[in-house]
Amino acid sequence: PSFIFSDYEHADIAVYRRTGSTILHPDVIDTSLFRRRGMRADRLIPFKGLKEDLTFAGVDVEGIEPHDLGEVPAGSVKVLFRPPSETSHYYTENSTAMARAALEWLANAGALVVFSPRESNQVRLLEGLDWSSSPVVLHRSVPFVALLKSVDAVMCAGGTMLREAAYLGIPAYSIFQSEIGEVDRWLERVGRVTLLRCPEDLARIQLRHRGPLAPLDTNPYLLQHLVTLIAERATQVLQPPETPAKRLVLSASERTSSQ
């Protein structure tokens, strides 16, 4: 048996459906949203909490030092920027256009952008803008907690980085232009994410130094709960079904024992 964690109900799930995988998902996503796309009800397991409850389980966030961004202007407001995935099946060109508009807004506002490209050619989005402080471009992977702790806000075209920032209490702005998922909508309702759906929404950005981290406490026992749940479900799946012949043998054995 295979198990998939999904916190975005609009991703393509055809391969999971065809392989008989079981999808575990946050309960803020109604199971009907997966069932409409062909998933069987018995292959869907909602859980209380977020995927980030697993991400941060056992992580000493306070004990991790912020990533060193090098020499940056004193007093600058640092914004970690993640452009859209331009190769995903749910990509829309509006996301790239919105990313460019957001970068222009940040440049004009005097923010220090820490640019985390998905592809090397995405640095083109930084060109031709009036930067008061040159953006810091990340050319290699950086441990995620250290990176998040080094900035004042995160602006992201959807994805895990946005939710990790929101989970920690770092101001998180979504410029994702495809279908918004229920997890992001829930994070917006609880004040952890700001959804920016058009260039006019960029005026809602508040550039300021962030306060101390304030991690969510949606389900501190999620890891233990899911390990138990998966083990139980796997046992049920792997247990061979009782055939008529097996039932006949058992019945005969029971009669012999009673005599």
Protein backbone atom coordinates (compact mmCIF):
# COMPACT_ATOMS: atom_id res chain seq x y z
CA PRO A 1 0.00 0.00 0.00
CA SER A 2 1.09 3.58 -0.68
CA PHE A 3 0.15 6.76 1.17
CA ILE A 4 0.32 10.32 -0.14
CA PHE A 5 0.23 13.55 1.84
CA SER A 6 -1.63 16.24 -0.09
CA ASP A 7 -2.40 19.77 1.07
CA TYR A 8 -3.41 21.12 -2.35
CA GLU A 9 -6.58 19.63 -3.75
CA HIS A 10 -6.11 21.04 -7.27
CA ALA A 11 -2.93 19.09 -8.03
CA ASP A 12 -3.18 16.22 -10.52
CA ILE A 13 -4.07 13.05 -8.61
CA ALA A 14 -4.59 10.70 -11.57
CA VAL A 15 -1.54 8.57 -10.76
CA TYR A 16 -2.67 8.16 -7.14
CA ARG A 17 -6.13 7.14 -8.26
CA ARG A 18 -4.82 4.55 -10.71
CA THR A 19 -2.32 3.04 -8.28
CA GLY A 20 -4.86 2.74 -5.47
CA SER A 21 -2.94 5.08 -3.19
CA THR A 22 -4.48 6.52 -0.06
CA ILE A 23 -4.43 10.31 0.28
CA LEU A 24 -3.98 11.83 3.73
CA HIS A 25 -5.02 15.47 3.80
CA PRO A 26 -5.72 18.29 6.28
CA ASP A 27 -9.35 18.26 7.37
CA VAL A 28 -9.79 21.87 6.22
CA ILE A 29 -9.98 20.30 2.74
CA ASP A 30 -13.37 18.65 2.35
CA THR A 31 -13.06 15.07 1.11
CA SER A 32 -15.73 15.80 -1.51
CA LEU A 33 -13.18 17.90 -3.41
CA PHE A 34 -11.07 14.78 -3.97
CA ARG A 35 -14.07 12.51 -4.58
CA ARG A 36 -15.27 14.75 -7.41
CA ARG A 37 -12.01 13.94 -9.14
CA GLY A 38 -12.47 10.20 -8.90
CA MET A 39 -10.90 9.27 -5.56
CA ARG A 40 -12.76 6.60 -3.63
CA ALA A 41 -14.01 7.60 -0.20
CA ASP A 42 -12.15 4.70 1.45
CA ARG A 43 -8.89 6.03 -0.03
CA LEU A 44 -9.20 9.41 1.68
CA ILE A 45 -8.11 10.08 5.26
CA PRO A 46 -8.54 13.60 6.66
CA PHE A 47 -6.45 14.60 9.66
CA LYS A 48 -6.56 17.46 12.13
CA GLY A 49 -3.66 19.83 11.59
CA LEU A 50 -1.36 20.84 8.75
CA LYS A 51 1.45 19.17 6.85
CA GLU A 52 3.75 21.65 8.60
CA ASP A 53 2.97 19.94 11.92
CA LEU A 54 5.04 17.12 10.46
CA THR A 55 7.67 19.42 8.93
CA PHE A 56 8.47 21.04 12.26
CA ALA A 57 7.99 17.99 14.49
CA GLY A 58 11.11 17.64 16.62
CA VAL A 59 12.78 20.70 15.06
CA ASP A 60 14.40 23.09 17.55
CA VAL A 61 13.40 26.24 15.68
CA GLU A 62 14.68 28.60 18.36
CA GLY A 63 18.05 26.87 18.42
CA ILE A 64 18.71 27.36 14.70
CA GLU A 65 20.73 30.42 13.68
CA PRO A 66 19.43 32.63 10.83
CA HIS A 67 21.10 32.18 7.46
CA ASP A 68 23.92 34.66 6.79
CA LEU A 69 22.81 36.83 3.87
CA GLY A 70 26.19 38.56 3.64
CA GLU A 71 26.64 42.31 3.73
CA VAL A 72 23.22 43.92 3.52
CA PRO A 73 22.21 47.52 4.25
CA ALA A 74 21.54 48.12 7.94
CA GLY A 75 17.88 48.50 8.77
CA SER A 76 16.64 47.01 5.51
CA VAL A 77 13.39 45.07 5.45
CA LYS A 78 14.23 41.67 3.98
CA VAL A 79 11.64 39.86 1.87
CA LEU A 80 12.18 36.27 0.77
CA PHE A 81 10.72 35.95 -2.74
CA ARG A 82 9.81 32.67 -4.42
CA PRO A 83 8.66 32.92 -8.06
CA PRO A 84 6.08 30.53 -9.54
CA SER A 85 6.79 27.04 -10.76
CA GLU A 86 6.58 27.64 -14.50
CA THR A 87 6.63 23.93 -15.34
CA SER A 88 3.81 22.70 -13.09
CA HIS A 89 0.59 21.49 -14.71
CA TYR A 90 -1.46 24.12 -12.87
CA TYR A 91 0.81 27.02 -13.91
CA THR A 92 -0.75 30.12 -15.42
CA GLU A 93 1.14 32.97 -17.08
CA ASN A 94 -0.69 35.36 -14.77
CA SER A 95 1.50 34.07 -11.92
CA THR A 96 4.68 35.23 -13.69
CA ALA A 97 3.09 38.57 -14.55
CA MET A 98 2.06 38.99 -10.91
CA ALA A 99 5.56 38.05 -9.75
CA ARG A 100 7.07 40.75 -11.94
CA ALA A 101 4.55 43.32 -10.66
CA ALA A 102 5.29 42.33 -7.06
CA LEU A 103 9.05 42.64 -7.59
CA GLU A 104 8.58 46.08 -9.11
CA TRP A 105 6.50 47.10 -6.09
CA LEU A 106 9.16 45.82 -3.69
CA ALA A 107 11.91 47.62 -5.61
CA ASN A 108 10.03 50.91 -5.50
CA ALA A 109 9.32 50.42 -1.78
CA GLY A 110 13.02 49.95 -1.01
CA ALA A 111 12.81 46.35 0.20
CA LEU A 112 15.80 44.04 0.17
CA VAL A 113 14.68 41.03 -1.84
CA VAL A 114 16.17 37.62 -1.11
CA PHE A 115 15.41 35.84 -4.38
CA SER A 116 15.02 32.06 -4.30
CA PRO A 117 14.53 30.97 -7.93
CA ARG A 118 13.06 27.62 -8.85
CA GLU A 119 14.96 27.72 -12.15
CA SER A 120 18.16 29.66 -12.86
CA ASN A 121 16.58 31.59 -15.74
CA GLN A 122 14.05 33.18 -13.37
CA VAL A 123 16.63 35.78 -12.32
CA ARG A 124 15.42 37.59 -15.46
CA LEU A 125 12.49 38.79 -13.36
CA LEU A 126 14.88 41.04 -11.41
CA GLU A 127 16.19 42.86 -14.46
CA GLY A 128 15.31 46.43 -15.34
CA LEU A 129 13.92 47.39 -11.92
CA ASP A 130 15.05 50.35 -9.83
CA TRP A 131 16.61 48.59 -6.85
CA SER A 132 17.88 50.73 -3.99
CA SER A 133 19.53 47.58 -2.60
CA SER A 134 20.70 44.85 -4.96
CA PRO A 135 18.71 41.64 -4.48
CA VAL A 136 20.40 38.69 -2.79
CA VAL A 137 20.09 35.75 -5.20
CA LEU A 138 20.30 32.27 -3.71
CA HIS A 139 22.29 30.07 -6.10
CA ARG A 140 22.20 26.99 -3.87
CA SER A 141 19.85 25.32 -1.45
CA VAL A 142 19.68 26.77 2.06
CA PRO A 143 18.23 24.97 5.13
CA PHE A 144 14.66 26.18 5.28
CA VAL A 145 14.38 27.20 8.94
CA ALA A 146 17.63 29.19 8.85
CA LEU A 147 16.49 30.90 5.65
CA LEU A 148 13.06 31.80 7.01
CA LYS A 149 14.56 33.17 10.22
CA SER A 150 16.79 35.51 8.21
CA VAL A 151 13.92 37.52 6.68
CA ASP A 152 11.06 39.78 7.74
CA ALA A 153 8.45 38.50 5.29
CA VAL A 154 7.91 35.89 2.60
CA MET A 155 6.26 36.44 -0.77
CA CYS A 156 5.58 33.31 -2.72
CA ALA A 157 3.65 32.10 -5.75
CA GLY A 158 2.09 29.30 -3.74
CA GLY A 159 3.84 26.27 -2.36
CA THR A 160 5.43 24.91 0.75
CA MET A 161 7.61 27.92 1.55
CA LEU A 162 4.53 30.13 1.99
CA ARG A 163 2.90 27.72 4.44
CA GLU A 164 6.08 27.15 6.41
CA ALA A 165 6.45 30.91 6.90
CA ALA A 166 2.79 31.24 7.87
CA TYR A 167 3.14 28.37 10.34
CA LEU A 168 6.04 30.12 12.07
CA GLY A 169 4.22 33.45 12.21
CA ILE A 170 6.35 35.19 9.58
CA PRO A 171 4.23 37.56 7.44
CA ALA A 172 3.37 35.53 4.34
CA TYR A 173 2.04 36.93 1.07
CA SER A 174 0.73 34.70 -1.71
CA ILE A 175 0.90 35.91 -5.32
CA PHE A 176 -0.33 32.53 -6.62
CA GLN A 177 -2.73 33.09 -9.53
CA SER A 178 -4.02 29.56 -10.11
CA GLU A 179 -6.84 28.03 -8.05
CA ILE A 180 -6.39 28.79 -4.36
CA GLY A 181 -6.43 25.74 -2.11
CA GLU A 182 -8.43 25.37 1.08
CA VAL A 183 -5.32 25.30 3.30
CA ASP A 184 -4.26 28.73 2.05
CA ARG A 185 -7.80 30.04 2.48
CA TRP A 186 -7.82 28.75 6.06
CA LEU A 187 -4.44 30.37 6.74
CA GLU A 188 -5.86 33.63 5.43
CA ARG A 189 -8.90 33.33 7.71
CA VAL A 190 -6.70 32.92 10.79
CA GLY A 191 -4.53 35.88 9.77
CA ARG A 192 -1.42 33.95 8.75
CA VAL A 193 -1.49 34.53 4.97
CA THR A 194 -2.43 37.48 2.78
CA LEU A 195 -3.73 36.44 -0.64
CA LEU A 196 -2.80 38.96 -3.33
CA ARG A 197 -4.91 38.24 -6.40
CA CYS A 198 -4.15 41.24 -8.61
CA PRO A 199 -1.57 44.07 -8.85
CA GLU A 200 -3.93 46.41 -7.01
CA ASP A 201 -3.73 44.10 -3.97
CA LEU A 202 0.00 44.82 -3.62
CA ALA A 203 -0.96 47.95 -1.67
CA ARG A 204 -1.91 45.60 1.18
CA ILE A 205 1.73 44.65 1.76
CA GLN A 206 3.14 45.97 5.03
CA LEU A 207 6.91 46.37 4.85
CA ARG A 208 8.27 46.29 8.38
CA HIS A 209 10.61 44.34 10.59
CA ARG A 210 8.84 41.28 11.91
CA GLY A 211 8.33 40.41 15.54
CA PRO A 212 9.33 37.16 17.28
CA LEU A 213 8.24 33.84 15.83
CA ALA A 214 4.84 32.54 16.93
CA PRO A 215 4.44 28.98 15.62
CA LEU A 216 0.98 27.53 15.20
CA ASP A 217 -0.09 24.69 17.46
CA THR A 218 -2.59 22.99 15.19
CA ASN A 219 -1.75 19.41 16.18
CA PRO A 220 1.46 18.68 18.12
CA TYR A 221 0.63 14.95 18.14
CA LEU A 222 0.06 14.59 14.40
CA LEU A 223 3.20 12.58 13.66
CA GLN A 224 2.41 9.91 16.25
CA HIS A 225 -1.24 9.84 15.19
CA LEU A 226 -0.46 9.34 11.50
CA VAL A 227 2.18 6.67 12.11
CA THR A 228 -0.41 4.65 14.04
CA LEU A 229 -3.11 5.29 11.47
CA ILE A 230 -0.92 4.29 8.51
CA ALA A 231 0.24 1.12 10.27
CA GLU A 232 -3.36 0.11 10.98
CA ARG A 233 -4.49 0.83 7.43
CA ALA A 234 -1.52 -1.04 5.94
CA THR A 235 -2.28 -4.06 8.12
CA GLN A 236 -5.87 -4.09 6.88
CA VAL A 237 -4.77 -3.89 3.26
CA LEU A 238 -2.10 -6.57 3.57
CA GLN A 239 -4.31 -9.02 5.47
CA PRO A 240 -5.36 -11.70 2.94
CA PRO A 241 -9.11 -11.91 2.38
CA GLU A 242 -10.94 -14.91 3.78
CA THR A 243 -11.83 -17.24 0.89
CA PRO A 244 -14.77 -19.70 0.87
CA ALA A 245 -12.28 -22.61 1.01
CA LYS A 246 -10.57 -21.11 4.04
CA ARG A 247 -13.91 -20.62 5.77
CA LEU A 248 -14.81 -24.27 5.06
CA VAL A 249 -11.53 -25.50 6.57
CA LEU A 250 -12.00 -23.34 9.63
CA SER A 251 -15.56 -24.54 10.06
CA ALA A 252 -14.48 -28.21 9.86
CA SER A 253 -11.69 -27.57 12.34
CA GLU A 254 -14.12 -25.97 14.77
CA ARG A 255 -16.47 -28.98 14.53
CA THR A 256 -13.60 -31.39 15.18
CA SER A 257 -12.50 -29.42 18.22
CA SER A 258 -15.99 -29.41 19.66
CA GLN A 259 -16.21 -33.22 19.37
